[in-house]
N, C-alpha and C. Protein backbone atom coordinates (compact mmCIF):
# COMPACT_ATOMS: atom_id res chain seq x y z
N UNK A 1 -20.55 22.09 8.14
CA UNK A 1 -20.96 20.93 8.94
C UNK A 1 -20.63 21.18 10.41
N UNK A 2 -21.31 20.41 11.28
CA UNK A 2 -21.12 20.57 12.72
C UNK A 2 -20.52 19.30 13.32
N UNK A 3 -19.67 19.49 14.29
CA UNK A 3 -19.08 18.36 15.02
C UNK A 3 -19.03 18.74 16.50
N UNK A 4 -19.29 17.79 17.36
CA UNK A 4 -19.40 18.05 18.80
C UNK A 4 -18.15 17.53 19.51
N UNK A 5 -17.62 18.35 20.41
CA UNK A 5 -16.46 17.92 21.20
C UNK A 5 -16.86 16.84 22.19
N UNK A 6 -15.97 15.89 22.41
CA UNK A 6 -16.28 14.75 23.29
C UNK A 6 -16.20 15.11 24.77
N UNK A 7 -15.42 16.14 25.10
CA UNK A 7 -15.25 16.47 26.52
C UNK A 7 -16.24 17.53 27.01
N UNK A 8 -16.38 18.63 26.26
CA UNK A 8 -17.25 19.71 26.73
C UNK A 8 -18.62 19.74 26.04
N UNK A 9 -18.80 18.88 25.03
CA UNK A 9 -20.07 18.79 24.28
C UNK A 9 -20.42 20.10 23.57
N UNK A 10 -19.42 20.87 23.23
CA UNK A 10 -19.65 22.10 22.46
C UNK A 10 -19.72 21.77 20.97
N UNK A 11 -20.45 22.57 20.24
CA UNK A 11 -20.59 22.37 18.80
C UNK A 11 -19.58 23.24 18.06
N UNK A 12 -18.85 22.61 17.15
CA UNK A 12 -17.86 23.33 16.34
C UNK A 12 -18.30 23.25 14.88
N UNK A 13 -18.32 24.39 14.22
CA UNK A 13 -18.73 24.45 12.81
C UNK A 13 -17.49 24.39 11.93
N UNK A 14 -17.49 23.43 11.00
CA UNK A 14 -16.36 23.24 10.09
C UNK A 14 -16.82 23.44 8.65
N UNK A 15 -15.88 23.74 7.80
CA UNK A 15 -16.18 24.00 6.39
C UNK A 15 -16.56 22.71 5.67
N UNK A 16 -17.70 22.74 4.96
CA UNK A 16 -18.11 21.58 4.16
C UNK A 16 -17.15 21.33 3.01
N UNK A 17 -16.50 22.38 2.54
CA UNK A 17 -15.59 22.25 1.42
C UNK A 17 -14.32 21.48 1.78
N UNK A 18 -14.07 21.33 3.07
CA UNK A 18 -12.87 20.62 3.53
C UNK A 18 -13.22 19.32 4.23
N UNK A 19 -14.22 19.36 5.09
CA UNK A 19 -14.53 18.20 5.93
C UNK A 19 -15.80 17.46 5.53
N UNK A 20 -16.27 17.74 4.32
CA UNK A 20 -17.45 17.01 3.82
C UNK A 20 -17.28 16.68 2.34
N UNK A 21 -16.10 16.17 1.99
CA UNK A 21 -15.79 15.81 0.61
C UNK A 21 -16.06 14.32 0.40
N UNK A 22 -16.26 13.94 -0.86
CA UNK A 22 -16.45 12.52 -1.15
C UNK A 22 -15.12 11.78 -1.03
N UNK A 23 -15.20 10.48 -0.83
CA UNK A 23 -13.99 9.66 -0.63
C UNK A 23 -13.40 9.29 -1.99
N UNK A 24 -12.30 9.93 -2.34
CA UNK A 24 -11.63 9.70 -3.63
C UNK A 24 -10.55 8.64 -3.44
N UNK A 25 -10.93 7.40 -3.66
CA UNK A 25 -10.03 6.27 -3.38
C UNK A 25 -8.76 6.29 -4.24
N UNK A 26 -8.92 6.57 -5.52
CA UNK A 26 -7.76 6.55 -6.42
C UNK A 26 -6.76 7.66 -6.09
N UNK A 27 -7.28 8.84 -5.77
CA UNK A 27 -6.39 9.95 -5.41
C UNK A 27 -5.64 9.64 -4.12
N UNK A 28 -6.33 9.11 -3.13
CA UNK A 28 -5.70 8.77 -1.85
C UNK A 28 -4.64 7.70 -2.05
N UNK A 29 -4.92 6.74 -2.92
CA UNK A 29 -3.94 5.68 -3.21
C UNK A 29 -2.67 6.28 -3.80
N UNK A 30 -2.81 7.21 -4.75
CA UNK A 30 -1.64 7.86 -5.35
C UNK A 30 -0.82 8.61 -4.31
N UNK A 31 -1.51 9.34 -3.45
CA UNK A 31 -0.81 10.13 -2.43
C UNK A 31 -0.11 9.23 -1.42
N UNK A 32 -0.76 8.13 -1.02
CA UNK A 32 -0.15 7.19 -0.08
C UNK A 32 1.09 6.55 -0.68
N UNK A 33 1.00 6.13 -1.96
CA UNK A 33 2.16 5.53 -2.63
C UNK A 33 3.31 6.52 -2.70
N UNK A 34 3.01 7.77 -3.03
CA UNK A 34 4.05 8.79 -3.11
C UNK A 34 4.69 9.02 -1.74
N UNK A 35 3.86 9.08 -0.69
CA UNK A 35 4.37 9.33 0.66
C UNK A 35 5.26 8.18 1.13
N UNK A 36 4.84 6.95 0.83
CA UNK A 36 5.61 5.78 1.29
C UNK A 36 6.94 5.67 0.54
N UNK A 37 6.96 6.00 -0.75
CA UNK A 37 8.20 5.85 -1.51
C UNK A 37 9.26 6.87 -1.09
N UNK A 38 8.83 7.99 -0.49
CA UNK A 38 9.82 8.97 -0.01
C UNK A 38 10.73 8.32 1.03
N UNK A 39 10.19 7.39 1.80
CA UNK A 39 10.97 6.74 2.86
C UNK A 39 11.94 5.68 2.36
N UNK A 40 11.81 5.30 1.09
CA UNK A 40 12.74 4.29 0.56
C UNK A 40 14.10 4.93 0.30
N UNK A 41 15.14 4.29 0.80
CA UNK A 41 16.47 4.88 0.71
C UNK A 41 17.09 4.71 -0.67
N UNK A 42 16.97 3.52 -1.23
CA UNK A 42 17.56 3.28 -2.55
C UNK A 42 19.06 3.52 -2.57
N UNK A 43 19.74 3.11 -1.49
CA UNK A 43 21.17 3.43 -1.35
C UNK A 43 22.09 2.31 -1.82
N UNK A 44 21.55 1.25 -2.41
CA UNK A 44 22.41 0.20 -2.92
C UNK A 44 23.27 0.75 -4.05
N UNK A 45 24.58 0.58 -3.93
CA UNK A 45 25.47 1.12 -4.96
C UNK A 45 26.73 0.27 -5.08
N UNK A 46 27.20 0.10 -6.32
CA UNK A 46 28.45 -0.59 -6.59
C UNK A 46 29.32 0.30 -7.47
N UNK A 47 30.61 0.00 -7.53
CA UNK A 47 31.53 0.84 -8.30
C UNK A 47 31.85 0.21 -9.65
N UNK A 48 31.88 1.05 -10.66
CA UNK A 48 32.32 0.61 -11.98
C UNK A 48 33.84 0.63 -12.01
N UNK A 49 34.43 0.16 -13.12
CA UNK A 49 35.89 0.14 -13.21
C UNK A 49 36.47 1.56 -13.19
N UNK A 50 35.68 2.53 -13.58
CA UNK A 50 36.15 3.91 -13.56
C UNK A 50 36.11 4.53 -12.18
N UNK A 51 35.37 3.92 -11.25
CA UNK A 51 35.22 4.48 -9.91
C UNK A 51 36.09 3.78 -8.87
N UNK A 52 36.64 2.61 -9.21
CA UNK A 52 37.47 1.87 -8.26
C UNK A 52 38.81 2.60 -8.09
N UNK A 53 39.25 2.69 -6.83
CA UNK A 53 40.50 3.38 -6.53
C UNK A 53 41.68 2.59 -7.07
N UNK A 54 42.62 3.29 -7.66
CA UNK A 54 43.82 2.61 -8.16
C UNK A 54 44.43 3.36 -9.33
N UNK A 55 45.61 2.94 -9.71
CA UNK A 55 46.33 3.59 -10.81
C UNK A 55 45.78 3.14 -12.16
N UNK A 56 45.93 3.98 -13.15
CA UNK A 56 45.52 3.62 -14.51
C UNK A 56 46.65 3.01 -15.31
N UNK A 57 47.76 2.75 -14.62
CA UNK A 57 48.93 2.19 -15.31
C UNK A 57 48.69 0.74 -15.71
N UNK A 58 49.23 0.36 -16.87
CA UNK A 58 49.15 -1.02 -17.32
C UNK A 58 49.97 -1.89 -16.38
N UNK A 59 49.36 -2.98 -15.83
CA UNK A 59 50.05 -3.78 -14.80
C UNK A 59 51.40 -4.36 -15.26
N UNK A 60 51.46 -4.85 -16.47
CA UNK A 60 52.72 -5.36 -17.04
C UNK A 60 52.68 -5.21 -18.56
N UNK A 61 53.83 -5.47 -19.17
CA UNK A 61 53.88 -5.26 -20.61
C UNK A 61 52.98 -6.26 -21.35
N UNK A 62 52.67 -5.92 -22.56
CA UNK A 62 51.68 -6.70 -23.30
C UNK A 62 52.16 -8.12 -23.60
N UNK A 63 53.43 -8.25 -23.99
CA UNK A 63 53.92 -9.56 -24.42
C UNK A 63 55.18 -9.98 -23.64
N UNK A 64 55.45 -11.26 -23.68
CA UNK A 64 56.72 -11.74 -23.17
C UNK A 64 56.74 -12.16 -21.72
N UNK A 65 55.65 -12.00 -20.99
CA UNK A 65 55.66 -12.36 -19.57
C UNK A 65 55.12 -13.76 -19.33
N UNK A 66 54.42 -14.31 -20.30
CA UNK A 66 53.79 -15.61 -20.11
C UNK A 66 52.44 -15.52 -19.43
N UNK A 67 52.09 -14.33 -19.03
CA UNK A 67 50.80 -14.12 -18.37
C UNK A 67 49.80 -13.54 -19.37
N UNK A 68 48.55 -13.66 -19.01
CA UNK A 68 47.51 -13.09 -19.86
C UNK A 68 47.67 -11.57 -19.90
N UNK A 69 47.38 -11.00 -21.06
CA UNK A 69 47.51 -9.55 -21.20
C UNK A 69 46.49 -8.85 -20.29
N UNK A 70 46.89 -7.71 -19.76
CA UNK A 70 46.02 -6.95 -18.86
C UNK A 70 46.27 -5.46 -19.09
N UNK A 71 45.18 -4.71 -19.12
CA UNK A 71 45.32 -3.28 -19.37
C UNK A 71 45.01 -2.42 -18.15
N UNK A 72 44.34 -3.03 -17.13
CA UNK A 72 43.95 -2.22 -15.98
C UNK A 72 43.74 -3.11 -14.76
N UNK A 73 44.17 -2.62 -13.61
CA UNK A 73 43.96 -3.35 -12.36
C UNK A 73 42.53 -3.21 -11.86
N UNK A 74 41.77 -2.31 -12.49
CA UNK A 74 40.38 -2.11 -12.09
C UNK A 74 39.41 -2.94 -12.95
N UNK A 75 39.94 -3.83 -13.73
CA UNK A 75 39.11 -4.65 -14.61
C UNK A 75 38.12 -5.51 -13.79
N UNK A 76 36.90 -5.68 -14.28
CA UNK A 76 35.90 -6.49 -13.55
C UNK A 76 36.31 -7.94 -13.33
N UNK A 77 37.24 -8.45 -14.12
CA UNK A 77 37.65 -9.86 -13.93
C UNK A 77 38.74 -10.00 -12.88
N UNK A 78 39.22 -8.87 -12.38
CA UNK A 78 40.23 -8.91 -11.32
C UNK A 78 39.56 -8.82 -9.96
N UNK A 79 40.23 -9.44 -8.96
CA UNK A 79 39.77 -9.32 -7.60
C UNK A 79 39.85 -7.85 -7.17
N UNK A 80 38.81 -7.36 -6.49
CA UNK A 80 38.68 -5.97 -6.05
C UNK A 80 38.60 -4.99 -7.21
N UNK A 81 38.27 -5.50 -8.37
CA UNK A 81 38.06 -4.61 -9.52
C UNK A 81 36.64 -4.08 -9.53
N UNK A 82 36.31 -3.35 -10.57
CA UNK A 82 34.97 -2.78 -10.68
C UNK A 82 33.93 -3.83 -11.04
N UNK A 83 32.67 -3.43 -11.00
CA UNK A 83 31.56 -4.32 -11.34
C UNK A 83 31.09 -3.96 -12.75
N UNK A 84 30.84 -5.00 -13.57
CA UNK A 84 30.50 -4.76 -14.97
C UNK A 84 29.23 -3.94 -15.12
N UNK A 85 28.13 -4.40 -14.55
CA UNK A 85 26.88 -3.65 -14.60
C UNK A 85 26.54 -3.23 -13.16
N UNK A 86 27.20 -2.18 -12.72
CA UNK A 86 27.11 -1.76 -11.32
C UNK A 86 25.74 -1.20 -10.99
N UNK A 87 25.21 -1.63 -9.81
CA UNK A 87 23.95 -1.08 -9.32
C UNK A 87 24.20 0.34 -8.81
N UNK A 88 23.25 1.22 -9.09
CA UNK A 88 23.40 2.61 -8.68
C UNK A 88 22.21 3.06 -7.85
N UNK A 89 22.39 4.18 -7.14
CA UNK A 89 21.30 4.75 -6.33
C UNK A 89 20.07 4.98 -7.20
N UNK A 90 18.94 4.62 -6.65
CA UNK A 90 17.69 4.80 -7.38
C UNK A 90 16.78 5.73 -6.59
N UNK A 91 16.18 6.69 -7.28
CA UNK A 91 15.24 7.61 -6.64
C UNK A 91 13.83 7.10 -6.89
N UNK A 92 13.12 6.77 -5.81
CA UNK A 92 11.79 6.19 -5.93
C UNK A 92 10.68 7.25 -5.85
N UNK A 93 11.08 8.51 -5.70
CA UNK A 93 10.11 9.57 -5.47
C UNK A 93 9.10 9.69 -6.62
N UNK A 94 7.82 9.75 -6.25
CA UNK A 94 6.75 9.99 -7.22
C UNK A 94 6.15 11.36 -6.94
N UNK A 95 6.13 12.19 -7.95
CA UNK A 95 5.69 13.57 -7.75
C UNK A 95 4.17 13.64 -7.56
N UNK A 96 3.78 14.32 -6.51
CA UNK A 96 2.38 14.64 -6.26
C UNK A 96 2.30 16.14 -6.04
N UNK A 97 1.50 16.83 -6.84
CA UNK A 97 1.45 18.28 -6.67
C UNK A 97 0.64 18.65 -5.43
N UNK A 98 0.74 19.92 -5.05
CA UNK A 98 0.16 20.39 -3.80
C UNK A 98 -1.37 20.26 -3.79
N UNK A 99 -1.97 20.53 -4.92
CA UNK A 99 -3.43 20.47 -4.99
C UNK A 99 -3.94 19.05 -4.77
N UNK A 100 -3.26 18.07 -5.36
CA UNK A 100 -3.64 16.67 -5.17
C UNK A 100 -3.49 16.26 -3.71
N UNK A 101 -2.37 16.68 -3.10
CA UNK A 101 -2.10 16.31 -1.70
C UNK A 101 -3.16 16.90 -0.77
N UNK A 102 -3.50 18.16 -0.99
CA UNK A 102 -4.51 18.80 -0.14
C UNK A 102 -5.89 18.16 -0.32
N UNK A 103 -6.25 17.86 -1.56
CA UNK A 103 -7.54 17.23 -1.82
C UNK A 103 -7.61 15.84 -1.20
N UNK A 104 -6.47 15.13 -1.18
CA UNK A 104 -6.44 13.81 -0.55
C UNK A 104 -6.66 13.93 0.96
N UNK A 105 -6.02 14.92 1.58
CA UNK A 105 -6.21 15.13 3.02
C UNK A 105 -7.65 15.52 3.34
N UNK A 106 -8.25 16.36 2.50
CA UNK A 106 -9.66 16.71 2.69
C UNK A 106 -10.55 15.47 2.63
N UNK A 107 -10.28 14.62 1.65
CA UNK A 107 -11.07 13.41 1.48
C UNK A 107 -10.90 12.47 2.67
N UNK A 108 -9.67 12.36 3.18
CA UNK A 108 -9.40 11.49 4.32
C UNK A 108 -10.11 12.00 5.57
N UNK A 109 -9.98 13.29 5.86
CA UNK A 109 -10.63 13.87 7.04
C UNK A 109 -12.15 13.73 6.95
N UNK A 110 -12.70 13.93 5.77
CA UNK A 110 -14.15 13.80 5.59
C UNK A 110 -14.61 12.38 5.89
N UNK A 111 -13.84 11.40 5.41
CA UNK A 111 -14.20 10.01 5.65
C UNK A 111 -14.05 9.64 7.12
N UNK A 112 -13.02 10.17 7.78
CA UNK A 112 -12.83 9.91 9.21
C UNK A 112 -14.01 10.45 10.03
N UNK A 113 -14.49 11.63 9.65
CA UNK A 113 -15.64 12.21 10.36
C UNK A 113 -16.89 11.37 10.11
N UNK A 114 -17.10 10.95 8.87
CA UNK A 114 -18.29 10.13 8.54
C UNK A 114 -18.29 8.81 9.30
N UNK A 115 -17.10 8.24 9.51
CA UNK A 115 -16.99 6.95 10.20
C UNK A 115 -16.79 7.10 11.70
N UNK A 116 -16.92 8.32 12.20
CA UNK A 116 -16.80 8.60 13.63
C UNK A 116 -15.44 8.18 14.19
N UNK A 117 -14.41 8.42 13.40
CA UNK A 117 -13.06 8.09 13.85
C UNK A 117 -12.30 9.34 14.33
N UNK A 118 -12.97 10.48 14.31
CA UNK A 118 -12.38 11.72 14.83
C UNK A 118 -12.90 11.95 16.24
N UNK A 119 -11.99 12.13 17.18
CA UNK A 119 -12.35 12.51 18.55
C UNK A 119 -11.91 13.95 18.75
N UNK A 120 -12.89 14.85 18.75
CA UNK A 120 -12.58 16.28 18.89
C UNK A 120 -12.64 16.68 20.36
N UNK A 121 -11.57 17.30 20.84
CA UNK A 121 -11.48 17.76 22.23
C UNK A 121 -11.23 19.26 22.26
N UNK A 122 -11.70 19.90 23.33
CA UNK A 122 -11.47 21.34 23.47
C UNK A 122 -9.98 21.63 23.65
N UNK A 123 -9.28 20.74 24.35
CA UNK A 123 -7.84 20.89 24.54
C UNK A 123 -7.27 19.55 24.99
N UNK A 124 -5.96 19.40 24.89
CA UNK A 124 -5.33 18.16 25.33
C UNK A 124 -4.02 18.53 26.04
N UNK A 125 -4.10 18.58 27.36
CA UNK A 125 -2.95 19.01 28.17
C UNK A 125 -2.57 17.91 29.14
N UNK A 126 -1.27 17.64 29.23
CA UNK A 126 -0.71 16.70 30.22
C UNK A 126 0.09 17.52 31.23
N UNK A 127 -0.31 17.42 32.49
CA UNK A 127 0.32 18.26 33.52
C UNK A 127 1.77 17.85 33.79
N UNK A 128 2.04 16.54 33.74
CA UNK A 128 3.38 16.04 34.01
C UNK A 128 3.76 15.03 32.92
N UNK A 129 5.05 14.86 32.67
CA UNK A 129 5.48 13.91 31.64
C UNK A 129 5.41 12.46 32.13
N UNK A 130 4.21 12.02 32.47
CA UNK A 130 4.02 10.68 33.03
C UNK A 130 3.11 9.86 32.10
N UNK A 131 3.55 8.68 31.75
CA UNK A 131 2.77 7.81 30.87
C UNK A 131 1.44 7.45 31.51
N UNK A 132 1.43 7.23 32.82
CA UNK A 132 0.21 6.85 33.53
C UNK A 132 -0.86 7.94 33.40
N UNK A 133 -0.44 9.19 33.45
CA UNK A 133 -1.40 10.30 33.33
C UNK A 133 -2.04 10.29 31.94
N UNK A 134 -1.22 10.04 30.92
CA UNK A 134 -1.74 9.99 29.56
C UNK A 134 -2.69 8.82 29.37
N UNK A 135 -2.32 7.66 29.91
CA UNK A 135 -3.17 6.47 29.79
C UNK A 135 -4.52 6.71 30.48
N UNK A 136 -4.48 7.32 31.66
CA UNK A 136 -5.74 7.63 32.37
C UNK A 136 -6.60 8.61 31.57
N UNK A 137 -5.96 9.54 30.87
CA UNK A 137 -6.69 10.52 30.09
C UNK A 137 -7.36 9.90 28.86
N UNK A 138 -6.74 8.81 28.37
CA UNK A 138 -7.25 8.17 27.16
C UNK A 138 -8.18 6.98 27.42
N UNK A 139 -8.33 6.60 28.68
CA UNK A 139 -9.06 5.37 28.98
C UNK A 139 -10.55 5.46 28.64
N UNK A 140 -11.08 6.67 28.50
CA UNK A 140 -12.50 6.82 28.14
C UNK A 140 -12.76 6.61 26.65
N UNK A 141 -11.69 6.56 25.87
CA UNK A 141 -11.84 6.37 24.43
C UNK A 141 -11.43 4.94 24.06
N UNK A 142 -12.19 4.32 23.21
CA UNK A 142 -11.92 2.94 22.81
C UNK A 142 -11.20 2.94 21.47
N UNK A 143 -9.99 2.43 21.46
CA UNK A 143 -9.22 2.32 20.22
C UNK A 143 -8.04 1.37 20.43
N UNK A 144 -7.49 0.89 19.31
CA UNK A 144 -6.27 0.07 19.36
C UNK A 144 -5.04 0.94 19.11
N UNK A 145 -5.17 1.84 18.13
CA UNK A 145 -4.09 2.78 17.82
C UNK A 145 -4.70 4.15 17.56
N UNK A 146 -3.97 5.18 17.95
CA UNK A 146 -4.52 6.53 17.78
C UNK A 146 -3.41 7.53 17.46
N UNK A 147 -3.81 8.56 16.74
CA UNK A 147 -2.94 9.71 16.49
C UNK A 147 -3.49 10.91 17.24
N UNK A 148 -2.64 11.57 18.00
CA UNK A 148 -3.04 12.78 18.72
C UNK A 148 -2.47 13.98 17.98
N UNK A 149 -3.35 14.89 17.57
CA UNK A 149 -2.92 16.07 16.81
C UNK A 149 -3.21 17.33 17.62
N UNK A 150 -2.17 18.10 17.86
CA UNK A 150 -2.30 19.40 18.53
C UNK A 150 -1.60 20.45 17.66
N UNK A 151 -1.82 21.72 17.99
CA UNK A 151 -1.19 22.79 17.20
C UNK A 151 0.32 22.73 17.36
N UNK A 152 0.79 22.56 18.57
CA UNK A 152 2.22 22.39 18.83
C UNK A 152 2.39 21.24 19.82
N UNK A 153 3.44 20.47 19.65
CA UNK A 153 3.65 19.29 20.49
C UNK A 153 4.21 19.73 21.84
N UNK A 154 3.41 19.52 22.87
CA UNK A 154 3.85 19.84 24.24
C UNK A 154 4.89 18.83 24.69
N UNK A 155 5.91 19.31 25.38
CA UNK A 155 7.00 18.43 25.81
C UNK A 155 6.50 17.35 26.77
N UNK A 156 5.58 17.69 27.67
CA UNK A 156 5.02 16.69 28.58
C UNK A 156 4.28 15.59 27.83
N UNK A 157 3.52 15.99 26.82
CA UNK A 157 2.78 15.02 26.01
C UNK A 157 3.73 14.12 25.23
N UNK A 158 4.76 14.72 24.68
CA UNK A 158 5.76 13.94 23.93
C UNK A 158 6.44 12.90 24.81
N UNK A 159 6.88 13.32 26.00
CA UNK A 159 7.58 12.40 26.91
C UNK A 159 6.64 11.33 27.45
N UNK A 160 5.39 11.70 27.71
CA UNK A 160 4.43 10.73 28.26
C UNK A 160 4.05 9.66 27.25
N UNK A 161 4.15 9.98 25.97
CA UNK A 161 3.71 9.03 24.93
C UNK A 161 4.82 8.16 24.38
N UNK A 162 6.06 8.40 24.80
CA UNK A 162 7.19 7.68 24.19
C UNK A 162 7.13 6.17 24.40
N UNK A 163 6.59 5.74 25.53
CA UNK A 163 6.54 4.30 25.82
C UNK A 163 5.28 3.63 25.28
N UNK A 164 4.40 4.39 24.66
CA UNK A 164 3.15 3.84 24.15
C UNK A 164 3.27 3.64 22.65
N UNK A 165 3.46 2.38 22.24
CA UNK A 165 3.68 2.08 20.82
C UNK A 165 2.44 2.37 19.98
N UNK A 166 1.28 2.41 20.61
CA UNK A 166 0.03 2.58 19.87
C UNK A 166 -0.42 4.04 19.78
N UNK A 167 0.43 4.95 20.22
CA UNK A 167 0.09 6.37 20.18
C UNK A 167 1.11 7.11 19.31
N UNK A 168 0.62 7.92 18.39
CA UNK A 168 1.46 8.81 17.59
C UNK A 168 1.10 10.25 17.94
N UNK A 169 2.11 11.10 18.01
CA UNK A 169 1.90 12.51 18.30
C UNK A 169 2.28 13.33 17.07
N UNK A 170 1.37 14.18 16.63
CA UNK A 170 1.62 15.03 15.47
C UNK A 170 1.17 16.46 15.79
N UNK A 171 1.83 17.42 15.15
CA UNK A 171 1.27 18.76 15.21
C UNK A 171 0.53 19.03 13.91
N UNK A 172 -0.30 20.05 13.91
CA UNK A 172 -1.21 20.29 12.79
C UNK A 172 -0.48 20.68 11.50
N UNK A 173 0.80 21.08 11.61
CA UNK A 173 1.57 21.42 10.41
C UNK A 173 2.16 20.19 9.74
N UNK A 174 2.34 19.12 10.50
CA UNK A 174 3.05 17.95 10.00
C UNK A 174 2.18 16.69 9.92
N UNK A 175 0.91 16.86 9.68
CA UNK A 175 0.05 15.69 9.51
C UNK A 175 0.38 15.00 8.20
N UNK A 176 0.18 13.70 8.16
CA UNK A 176 0.44 12.95 6.94
C UNK A 176 -0.66 11.92 6.73
N UNK A 177 -0.92 11.52 5.50
CA UNK A 177 -2.02 10.61 5.21
C UNK A 177 -1.88 9.23 5.84
N UNK A 178 -0.66 8.74 5.98
CA UNK A 178 -0.44 7.39 6.52
C UNK A 178 -0.86 7.31 7.98
N UNK A 179 -0.45 8.29 8.79
CA UNK A 179 -0.81 8.26 10.22
C UNK A 179 -2.29 8.49 10.44
N UNK A 180 -2.95 9.18 9.51
CA UNK A 180 -4.40 9.39 9.62
C UNK A 180 -5.17 8.10 9.32
N UNK A 181 -4.74 7.38 8.31
CA UNK A 181 -5.48 6.19 7.87
C UNK A 181 -5.15 4.96 8.70
N UNK A 182 -3.89 4.82 9.11
CA UNK A 182 -3.45 3.58 9.76
C UNK A 182 -3.89 3.44 11.21
N UNK A 183 -4.45 4.49 11.79
CA UNK A 183 -4.87 4.43 13.19
C UNK A 183 -6.39 4.43 13.30
N UNK A 184 -6.89 3.75 14.35
CA UNK A 184 -8.35 3.64 14.54
C UNK A 184 -8.99 5.00 14.77
N UNK A 185 -8.36 5.81 15.60
CA UNK A 185 -8.94 7.09 15.97
C UNK A 185 -7.91 8.22 15.77
N UNK A 186 -8.43 9.39 15.49
CA UNK A 186 -7.61 10.60 15.43
C UNK A 186 -8.14 11.54 16.50
N UNK A 187 -7.34 11.76 17.54
CA UNK A 187 -7.71 12.65 18.63
C UNK A 187 -7.13 14.03 18.31
N UNK A 188 -8.00 15.02 18.18
CA UNK A 188 -7.56 16.32 17.71
C UNK A 188 -8.23 17.43 18.52
N UNK A 189 -7.49 18.49 18.76
CA UNK A 189 -8.04 19.63 19.52
C UNK A 189 -8.74 20.60 18.56
N UNK A 190 -9.57 21.48 19.13
CA UNK A 190 -10.29 22.47 18.32
C UNK A 190 -9.30 23.39 17.59
N UNK A 191 -8.29 23.85 18.30
CA UNK A 191 -7.30 24.75 17.68
C UNK A 191 -6.58 24.07 16.52
N UNK A 192 -6.29 22.77 16.69
CA UNK A 192 -5.59 22.03 15.65
C UNK A 192 -6.46 21.85 14.41
N UNK A 193 -7.72 21.48 14.60
CA UNK A 193 -8.60 21.26 13.44
C UNK A 193 -8.90 22.58 12.73
N UNK A 194 -8.97 23.68 13.48
CA UNK A 194 -9.14 24.98 12.85
C UNK A 194 -7.89 25.39 12.08
N UNK A 195 -6.74 25.04 12.61
CA UNK A 195 -5.47 25.33 11.91
C UNK A 195 -5.39 24.53 10.62
N UNK A 196 -5.78 23.27 10.67
CA UNK A 196 -5.80 22.43 9.48
C UNK A 196 -6.78 22.99 8.45
N UNK A 197 -7.89 23.49 8.93
CA UNK A 197 -8.89 24.09 8.04
C UNK A 197 -8.28 25.29 7.31
N UNK A 198 -7.50 26.10 8.01
CA UNK A 198 -6.83 27.25 7.39
C UNK A 198 -5.80 26.79 6.35
N UNK A 199 -5.05 25.74 6.69
CA UNK A 199 -4.01 25.25 5.80
C UNK A 199 -4.62 24.71 4.49
N UNK A 200 -5.72 23.98 4.61
CA UNK A 200 -6.32 23.32 3.45
C UNK A 200 -7.29 24.22 2.67
N UNK A 201 -7.54 25.40 3.17
CA UNK A 201 -8.45 26.31 2.47
C UNK A 201 -7.81 26.81 1.17
């Protein structure tokens, strides 16, 4: 398939096997769910009576004290004792194999191209780390939120975009399905899209 750059109007030929796939909604949903659950910490944890710090010695003798019998200071009925059914760390990770992940990315890129949400540029260079320069460079494109993908993240581009909440910066090795779908436009350079084509081949 062919795609034209927005700045130089050059034609770039891309592989149909990667950028012209059908939109597999169920596969993309699985991959998105897996990607989102990786970010869940699941760090809620409580201690059982075996994990609470303290001696295992019997607090007092069994009989003759007038007090209720007790076998451990870590008992759940004691203050600062263990918890009976303690909550433990939970792993929310859902396994997605490499082939599924790559096919989902192919499907997403294909749909973005069909819906004209890909802005292909010959290059994307910021001369100085100034937000104003980046805003001026983007003013010709209409979008609410955008992801900028380059082969390597230039330091000037990174610094210029830090104050722009509606701009995400990614390199072609670290693209993810959430940033591709959640933004109106994906601004990508020729070198980056060719690198992605190599990765997904």
